[in-house]
């Protein structure tokens, strides 16, 4: 059974929110290990940039695999 568009949107939004929170938490823990001092506001901005890259990566990979699937059914 295919996932509905609404559930796909909810899944994608949840993935983005969880990824963003995880990125911020990871930065707060890991940056000091490397001597990087960043304010919380900077962590938010850095995390947002990684979310953007992650969204683009996820979209492009999903489209690639969909193209492979469609081509494989011909």
PDB file of N, CA and C in Angstrom:
ATOM      1  N   UNK A   1       0.838  -1.184   0.000  1.00  0.00           N
ATOM      2  CA  UNK A   1       0.000   0.000   0.000  1.00  0.00           C
ATOM      3  C   UNK A   1       0.882   1.246   0.000  1.00  0.00           C
ATOM      4  N   UNK A   2       0.537   2.207  -0.833  1.00  0.00           N
ATOM      5  CA  UNK A   2       1.311   3.440  -0.904  1.00  0.00           C
ATOM      6  C   UNK A   2       0.965   4.371   0.250  1.00  0.00           C
ATOM      7  N   UNK A   3       1.929   5.170   0.634  1.00  0.00           N
ATOM      8  CA  UNK A   3       1.726   6.155   1.680  1.00  0.00           C
ATOM      9  C   UNK A   3       0.965   7.344   1.087  1.00  0.00           C
ATOM     10  N   UNK A   4       0.009   7.898   1.834  1.00  0.00           N
ATOM     11  CA  UNK A   4      -0.734   9.058   1.345  1.00  0.00           C
ATOM     12  C   UNK A   4       0.184  10.282   1.285  1.00  0.00           C
ATOM     13  N   UNK A   5      -0.219  11.259   0.490  1.00  0.00           N
ATOM     14  CA  UNK A   5       0.565  12.498   0.376  1.00  0.00           C
ATOM     15  C   UNK A   5       0.664  13.205   1.727  1.00  0.00           C
ATOM     16  N   UNK A   6      -0.431  13.188   2.471  1.00  0.00           N
ATOM     17  CA  UNK A   6      -0.440  13.832   3.789  1.00  0.00           C
ATOM     18  C   UNK A   6       0.559  13.167   4.726  1.00  0.00           C
ATOM     19  N   UNK A   7       0.551  11.843   4.744  1.00  0.00           N
ATOM     20  CA  UNK A   7       1.483  11.134   5.620  1.00  0.00           C
ATOM     21  C   UNK A   7       2.928  11.328   5.150  1.00  0.00           C
ATOM     22  N   UNK A   8       3.146  11.419   3.843  1.00  0.00           N
ATOM     23  CA  UNK A   8       4.487  11.694   3.327  1.00  0.00           C
ATOM     24  C   UNK A   8       4.964  13.065   3.804  1.00  0.00           C
ATOM     25  N   UNK A   9       4.074  14.051   3.771  1.00  0.00           N
ATOM     26  CA  UNK A   9       4.414  15.391   4.234  1.00  0.00           C
ATOM     27  C   UNK A   9       4.717  15.389   5.724  1.00  0.00           C
ATOM     28  N   UNK A  10       3.894  14.694   6.499  1.00  0.00           N
ATOM     29  CA  UNK A  10       4.127  14.608   7.947  1.00  0.00           C
ATOM     30  C   UNK A  10       5.448  13.914   8.237  1.00  0.00           C
ATOM     31  N   UNK A  11       5.742  12.839   7.509  1.00  0.00           N
ATOM     32  CA  UNK A  11       7.008  12.131   7.705  1.00  0.00           C
ATOM     33  C   UNK A  11       8.195  13.031   7.373  1.00  0.00           C
ATOM     34  N   UNK A  12       8.109  13.745   6.255  1.00  0.00           N
ATOM     35  CA  UNK A  12       9.203  14.630   5.848  1.00  0.00           C
ATOM     36  C   UNK A  12       9.409  15.755   6.853  1.00  0.00           C
ATOM     37  N   UNK A  13       8.315  16.364   7.308  1.00  0.00           N
ATOM     38  CA  UNK A  13       8.423  17.453   8.277  1.00  0.00           C
ATOM     39  C   UNK A  13       9.013  16.958   9.593  1.00  0.00           C
ATOM     40  N   UNK A  14       8.570  15.787  10.038  1.00  0.00           N
ATOM     41  CA  UNK A  14       9.105  15.206  11.268  1.00  0.00           C
ATOM     42  C   UNK A  14      10.591  14.926  11.123  1.00  0.00           C
ATOM     43  N   UNK A  15      10.987  14.395   9.977  1.00  0.00           N
ATOM     44  CA  UNK A  15      12.395  14.098   9.719  1.00  0.00           C
ATOM     45  C   UNK A  15      13.232  15.374   9.774  1.00  0.00           C
ATOM     46  N   UNK A  16      12.736  16.460   9.203  1.00  0.00           N
ATOM     47  CA  UNK A  16      13.463  17.732   9.202  1.00  0.00           C
ATOM     48  C   UNK A  16      13.594  18.276  10.631  1.00  0.00           C
ATOM     49  N   UNK A  17      12.507  18.273  11.375  1.00  0.00           N
ATOM     50  CA  UNK A  17      12.532  18.808  12.741  1.00  0.00           C
ATOM     51  C   UNK A  17      13.469  17.990  13.627  1.00  0.00           C
ATOM     52  N   UNK A  18      13.356  16.674  13.560  1.00  0.00           N
ATOM     53  CA  UNK A  18      14.227  15.808  14.369  1.00  0.00           C
ATOM     54  C   UNK A  18      15.683  15.993  13.948  1.00  0.00           C
ATOM     55  N   UNK A  19      15.929  16.078  12.651  1.00  0.00           N
ATOM     56  CA  UNK A  19      17.297  16.292  12.168  1.00  0.00           C
ATOM     57  C   UNK A  19      17.879  17.609  12.640  1.00  0.00           C
ATOM     58  N   UNK A  20      17.070  18.654  12.631  1.00  0.00           N
ATOM     59  CA  UNK A  20      17.529  19.973  13.075  1.00  0.00           C
ATOM     60  C   UNK A  20      17.880  19.956  14.558  1.00  0.00           C
ATOM     61  N   UNK A  21      16.993  19.407  15.363  1.00  0.00           N
ATOM     62  CA  UNK A  21      17.245  19.331  16.814  1.00  0.00           C
ATOM     63  C   UNK A  21      18.485  18.485  17.093  1.00  0.00           C
ATOM     64  N   UNK A  22      18.614  17.364  16.386  1.00  0.00           N
ATOM     65  CA  UNK A  22      19.773  16.496  16.571  1.00  0.00           C
ATOM     66  C   UNK A  22      21.061  17.198  16.147  1.00  0.00           C
ATOM     67  N   UNK A  23      20.998  17.964  15.052  1.00  0.00           N
ATOM     68  CA  UNK A  23      22.182  18.701  14.595  1.00  0.00           C
ATOM     69  C   UNK A  23      22.633  19.715  15.646  1.00  0.00           C
ATOM     70  N   UNK A  24      21.686  20.454  16.205  1.00  0.00           N
ATOM     71  CA  UNK A  24      22.022  21.455  17.228  1.00  0.00           C
ATOM     72  C   UNK A  24      22.635  20.776  18.451  1.00  0.00           C
ATOM     73  N   UNK A  25      22.004  19.720  18.920  1.00  0.00           N
ATOM     74  CA  UNK A  25      22.519  19.013  20.100  1.00  0.00           C
ATOM     75  C   UNK A  25      23.913  18.450  19.836  1.00  0.00           C
ATOM     76  N   UNK A  26      24.105  17.895  18.651  1.00  0.00           N
ATOM     77  CA  UNK A  26      25.415  17.329  18.301  1.00  0.00           C
ATOM     78  C   UNK A  26      26.479  18.412  18.259  1.00  0.00           C
ATOM     79  N   UNK A  27      26.165  19.544  17.645  1.00  0.00           N
ATOM     80  CA  UNK A  27      27.117  20.651  17.579  1.00  0.00           C
ATOM     81  C   UNK A  27      27.503  21.139  18.969  1.00  0.00           C
ATOM     82  N   UNK A  28      26.516  21.273  19.840  1.00  0.00           N
ATOM     83  CA  UNK A  28      26.785  21.766  21.192  1.00  0.00           C
ATOM     84  C   UNK A  28      27.740  20.834  21.930  1.00  0.00           C
ATOM     85  N   UNK A  29      27.619  19.542  21.676  1.00  0.00           N
ATOM     86  CA  UNK A  29      28.489  18.567  22.339  1.00  0.00           C
ATOM     87  C   UNK A  29      29.849  18.460  21.635  1.00  0.00           C
ATOM     88  N   UNK A  30      29.860  18.401  20.317  1.00  0.00           N
ATOM     89  CA  UNK A  30      31.080  18.081  19.570  1.00  0.00           C
ATOM     90  C   UNK A  30      31.988  19.295  19.339  1.00  0.00           C
ATOM     91  N   UNK A  31      31.412  20.462  19.073  1.00  0.00           N
ATOM     92  CA  UNK A  31      32.242  21.632  18.772  1.00  0.00           C
ATOM     93  C   UNK A  31      33.319  21.889  19.834  1.00  0.00           C
ATOM     94  N   UNK A  32      32.992  21.844  21.128  1.00  0.00           N
ATOM     95  CA  UNK A  32      34.028  22.096  22.134  1.00  0.00           C
ATOM     96  C   UNK A  32      35.184  21.093  22.081  1.00  0.00           C
ATOM     97  N   UNK A  33      34.931  19.860  21.634  1.00  0.00           N
ATOM     98  CA  UNK A  33      36.005  18.874  21.510  1.00  0.00           C
ATOM     99  C   UNK A  33      37.068  19.338  20.525  1.00  0.00           C
ATOM    100  N   UNK A  34      36.661  20.181  19.576  1.00  0.00           N
ATOM    101  CA  UNK A  34      37.586  20.668  18.554  1.00  0.00           C
ATOM    102  C   UNK A  34      37.974  22.121  18.777  1.00  0.00           C
ATOM    103  N   UNK A  35      37.656  22.628  19.949  1.00  0.00           N
ATOM    104  CA  UNK A  35      38.022  23.995  20.291  1.00  0.00           C
ATOM    105  C   UNK A  35      37.198  25.046  19.574  1.00  0.00           C
ATOM    106  N   UNK A  36      36.030  24.678  19.087  1.00  0.00           N
ATOM    107  CA  UNK A  36      35.159  25.622  18.392  1.00  0.00           C
ATOM    108  C   UNK A  36      34.170  26.187  19.399  1.00  0.00           C
ATOM    109  N   UNK A  37      34.206  27.493  19.551  1.00  0.00           N
ATOM    110  CA  UNK A  37      33.303  28.160  20.486  1.00  0.00           C
ATOM    111  C   UNK A  37      32.236  28.883  19.675  1.00  0.00           C
ATOM    112  N   UNK A  38      30.998  28.470  19.831  1.00  0.00           N
ATOM    113  CA  UNK A  38      29.906  29.090  19.082  1.00  0.00           C
ATOM    114  C   UNK A  38      28.770  29.432  20.034  1.00  0.00           C
ATOM    115  N   UNK A  39      28.169  30.588  19.799  1.00  0.00           N
ATOM    116  CA  UNK A  39      26.999  30.986  20.580  1.00  0.00           C
ATOM    117  C   UNK A  39      25.797  30.157  20.127  1.00  0.00           C
ATOM    118  N   UNK A  40      24.788  30.099  20.968  1.00  0.00           N
ATOM    119  CA  UNK A  40      23.606  29.301  20.641  1.00  0.00           C
ATOM    120  C   UNK A  40      22.987  29.760  19.321  1.00  0.00           C
ATOM    121  N   UNK A  41      22.962  31.049  19.103  1.00  0.00           N
ATOM    122  CA  UNK A  41      22.416  31.598  17.848  1.00  0.00           C
ATOM    123  C   UNK A  41      23.202  31.088  16.641  1.00  0.00           C
ATOM    124  N   UNK A  42      24.508  30.985  16.786  1.00  0.00           N
ATOM    125  CA  UNK A  42      25.344  30.453  15.703  1.00  0.00           C
ATOM    126  C   UNK A  42      25.054  28.972  15.479  1.00  0.00           C
ATOM    127  N   UNK A  43      24.838  28.230  16.550  1.00  0.00           N
ATOM    128  CA  UNK A  43      24.470  26.817  16.415  1.00  0.00           C
ATOM    129  C   UNK A  43      23.180  26.687  15.611  1.00  0.00           C
ATOM    130  N   UNK A  44      22.213  27.572  15.881  1.00  0.00           N
ATOM    131  CA  UNK A  44      20.942  27.522  15.159  1.00  0.00           C
ATOM    132  C   UNK A  44      21.155  27.774  13.667  1.00  0.00           C
ATOM    133  N   UNK A  45      21.983  28.757  13.328  1.00  0.00           N
ATOM    134  CA  UNK A  45      22.240  29.086  11.928  1.00  0.00           C
ATOM    135  C   UNK A  45      23.001  27.963  11.221  1.00  0.00           C
ATOM    136  N   UNK A  46      23.999  27.418  11.879  1.00  0.00           N
ATOM    137  CA  UNK A  46      24.770  26.314  11.303  1.00  0.00           C
ATOM    138  C   UNK A  46      23.864  25.106  11.091  1.00  0.00           C
ATOM    139  N   UNK A  47      23.056  24.795  12.085  1.00  0.00           N
ATOM    140  CA  UNK A  47      22.129  23.674  11.971  1.00  0.00           C
ATOM    141  C   UNK A  47      21.156  23.859  10.822  1.00  0.00           C
ATOM    142  N   UNK A  48      20.690  25.086  10.629  1.00  0.00           N
ATOM    143  CA  UNK A  48      19.765  25.378   9.539  1.00  0.00           C
ATOM    144  C   UNK A  48      20.419  25.156   8.176  1.00  0.00           C
ATOM    145  N   UNK A  49      21.692  25.513   8.064  1.00  0.00           N
ATOM    146  CA  UNK A  49      22.388  25.286   6.792  1.00  0.00           C
ATOM    147  C   UNK A  49      22.524  23.793   6.512  1.00  0.00           C
ATOM    148  N   UNK A  50      22.799  23.007   7.540  1.00  0.00           N
ATOM    149  CA  UNK A  50      22.886  21.561   7.351  1.00  0.00           C
ATOM    150  C   UNK A  50      21.526  20.959   7.001  1.00  0.00           C
ATOM    151  N   UNK A  51      20.463  21.503   7.568  1.00  0.00           N
ATOM    152  CA  UNK A  51      19.117  21.033   7.229  1.00  0.00           C
ATOM    153  C   UNK A  51      18.842  21.282   5.749  1.00  0.00           C
ATOM    154  N   UNK A  52      19.231  22.459   5.254  1.00  0.00           N
ATOM    155  CA  UNK A  52      19.043  22.768   3.834  1.00  0.00           C
ATOM    156  C   UNK A  52      19.773  21.789   2.933  1.00  0.00           C
ATOM    157  N   UNK A  53      21.012  21.498   3.274  1.00  0.00           N
ATOM    158  CA  UNK A  53      21.796  20.540   2.497  1.00  0.00           C
ATOM    159  C   UNK A  53      21.161  19.155   2.576  1.00  0.00           C
ATOM    160  N   UNK A  54      20.715  18.766   3.753  1.00  0.00           N
ATOM    161  CA  UNK A  54      20.092  17.461   3.936  1.00  0.00           C
ATOM    162  C   UNK A  54      18.796  17.342   3.138  1.00  0.00           C
ATOM    163  N   UNK A  55      17.990  18.396   3.127  1.00  0.00           N
ATOM    164  CA  UNK A  55      16.757  18.375   2.345  1.00  0.00           C
ATOM    165  C   UNK A  55      17.050  18.198   0.856  1.00  0.00           C
ATOM    166  N   UNK A  56      18.018  18.954   0.367  1.00  0.00           N
ATOM    167  CA  UNK A  56      18.387  18.844  -1.049  1.00  0.00           C
ATOM    168  C   UNK A  56      18.901  17.444  -1.368  1.00  0.00           C
ATOM    169  N   UNK A  57      19.753  16.918  -0.512  1.00  0.00           N
ATOM    170  CA  UNK A  57      20.289  15.569  -0.721  1.00  0.00           C
ATOM    171  C   UNK A  57      19.173  14.529  -0.742  1.00  0.00           C
ATOM    172  N   UNK A  58      18.278  14.606   0.237  1.00  0.00           N
ATOM    173  CA  UNK A  58      17.184  13.652   0.319  1.00  0.00           C
ATOM    174  C   UNK A  58      16.276  13.720  -0.899  1.00  0.00           C
ATOM    175  N   UNK A  59      15.970  14.924  -1.345  1.00  0.00           N
ATOM    176  CA  UNK A  59      15.113  15.093  -2.512  1.00  0.00           C
ATOM    177  C   UNK A  59      15.779  14.528  -3.760  1.00  0.00           C
ATOM    178  N   UNK A  60      17.033  14.881  -3.982  1.00  0.00           N
ATOM    179  CA  UNK A  60      17.739  14.418  -5.177  1.00  0.00           C
ATOM    180  C   UNK A  60      17.893  12.899  -5.190  1.00  0.00           C
ATOM    181  N   UNK A  61      18.211  12.315  -4.051  1.00  0.00           N
ATOM    182  CA  UNK A  61      18.334  10.858  -3.996  1.00  0.00           C
ATOM    183  C   UNK A  61      16.982  10.171  -4.218  1.00  0.00           C
ATOM    184  N   UNK A  62      15.927  10.736  -3.660  1.00  0.00           N
ATOM    185  CA  UNK A  62      14.596  10.162  -3.854  1.00  0.00           C
ATOM    186  C   UNK A  62      14.213  10.203  -5.330  1.00  0.00           C
ATOM    187  N   UNK A  63      14.490  11.330  -6.004  1.00  0.00           N
ATOM    188  CA  UNK A  63      14.177  11.455  -7.430  1.00  0.00           C
ATOM    189  C   UNK A  63      15.035  10.495  -8.259  1.00  0.00           C
ATOM    190  N   UNK A  64      16.307  10.343  -7.890  1.00  0.00           N
ATOM    191  CA  UNK A  64      17.195   9.416  -8.591  1.00  0.00           C
ATOM    192  C   UNK A  64      16.674   7.990  -8.494  1.00  0.00           C
ATOM    193  N   UNK A  65      16.334   7.563  -7.301  1.00  0.00           N
ATOM    194  CA  UNK A  65      15.856   6.197  -7.115  1.00  0.00           C
ATOM    195  C   UNK A  65      14.491   5.979  -7.773  1.00  0.00           C
ATOM    196  N   UNK A  66      13.671   7.016  -7.804  1.00  0.00           N
ATOM    197  CA  UNK A  66      12.393   6.901  -8.501  1.00  0.00           C
ATOM    198  C   UNK A  66      12.630   6.742 -10.006  1.00  0.00           C
ATOM    199  N   UNK A  67      13.597   7.496 -10.548  1.00  0.00           N
ATOM    200  CA  UNK A  67      13.925   7.370 -11.965  1.00  0.00           C
ATOM    201  C   UNK A  67      14.462   5.967 -12.273  1.00  0.00           C
ATOM    202  N   UNK A  68      15.267   5.442 -11.389  1.00  0.00           N
ATOM    203  CA  UNK A  68      15.809   4.081 -11.570  1.00  0.00           C
ATOM    204  C   UNK A  68      14.667   3.067 -11.525  1.00  0.00           C
ATOM    205  N   UNK A  69      13.734   3.251 -10.590  1.00  0.00           N
ATOM    206  CA  UNK A  69      12.601   2.336 -10.472  1.00  0.00           C
ATOM    207  C   UNK A  69      11.740   2.378 -11.724  1.00  0.00           C
ATOM    208  N   UNK A  70      11.452   3.570 -12.222  1.00  0.00           N
ATOM    209  CA  UNK A  70      10.604   3.713 -13.413  1.00  0.00           C
ATOM    210  C   UNK A  70      11.303   3.102 -14.625  1.00  0.00           C
ATOM    211  N   UNK A  71      12.586   3.364 -14.771  1.00  0.00           N
ATOM    212  CA  UNK A  71      13.334   2.835 -15.898  1.00  0.00           C
ATOM    213  C   UNK A  71      13.399   1.309 -15.825  1.00  0.00           C
ATOM    214  N   UNK A  72      13.444   0.765 -14.620  1.00  0.00           N
ATOM    215  CA  UNK A  72      13.510  -0.687 -14.449  1.00  0.00           C
ATOM    216  C   UNK A  72      12.222  -1.401 -14.775  1.00  0.00           C
ATOM    217  N   UNK A  73      11.107  -0.673 -14.788  1.00  0.00           N
ATOM    218  CA  UNK A  73       9.819  -1.314 -15.089  1.00  0.00           C
ATOM    219  C   UNK A  73       9.498  -1.291 -16.574  1.00  0.00           C
ATOM    220  N   UNK A  74      10.309  -0.603 -17.362  1.00  0.00           N
ATOM    221  CA  UNK A  74      10.060  -0.557 -18.821  1.00  0.00           C
ATOM    222  C   UNK A  74      10.502  -1.814 -19.510  1.00  0.00           C
TER     223      UNK A  74
END
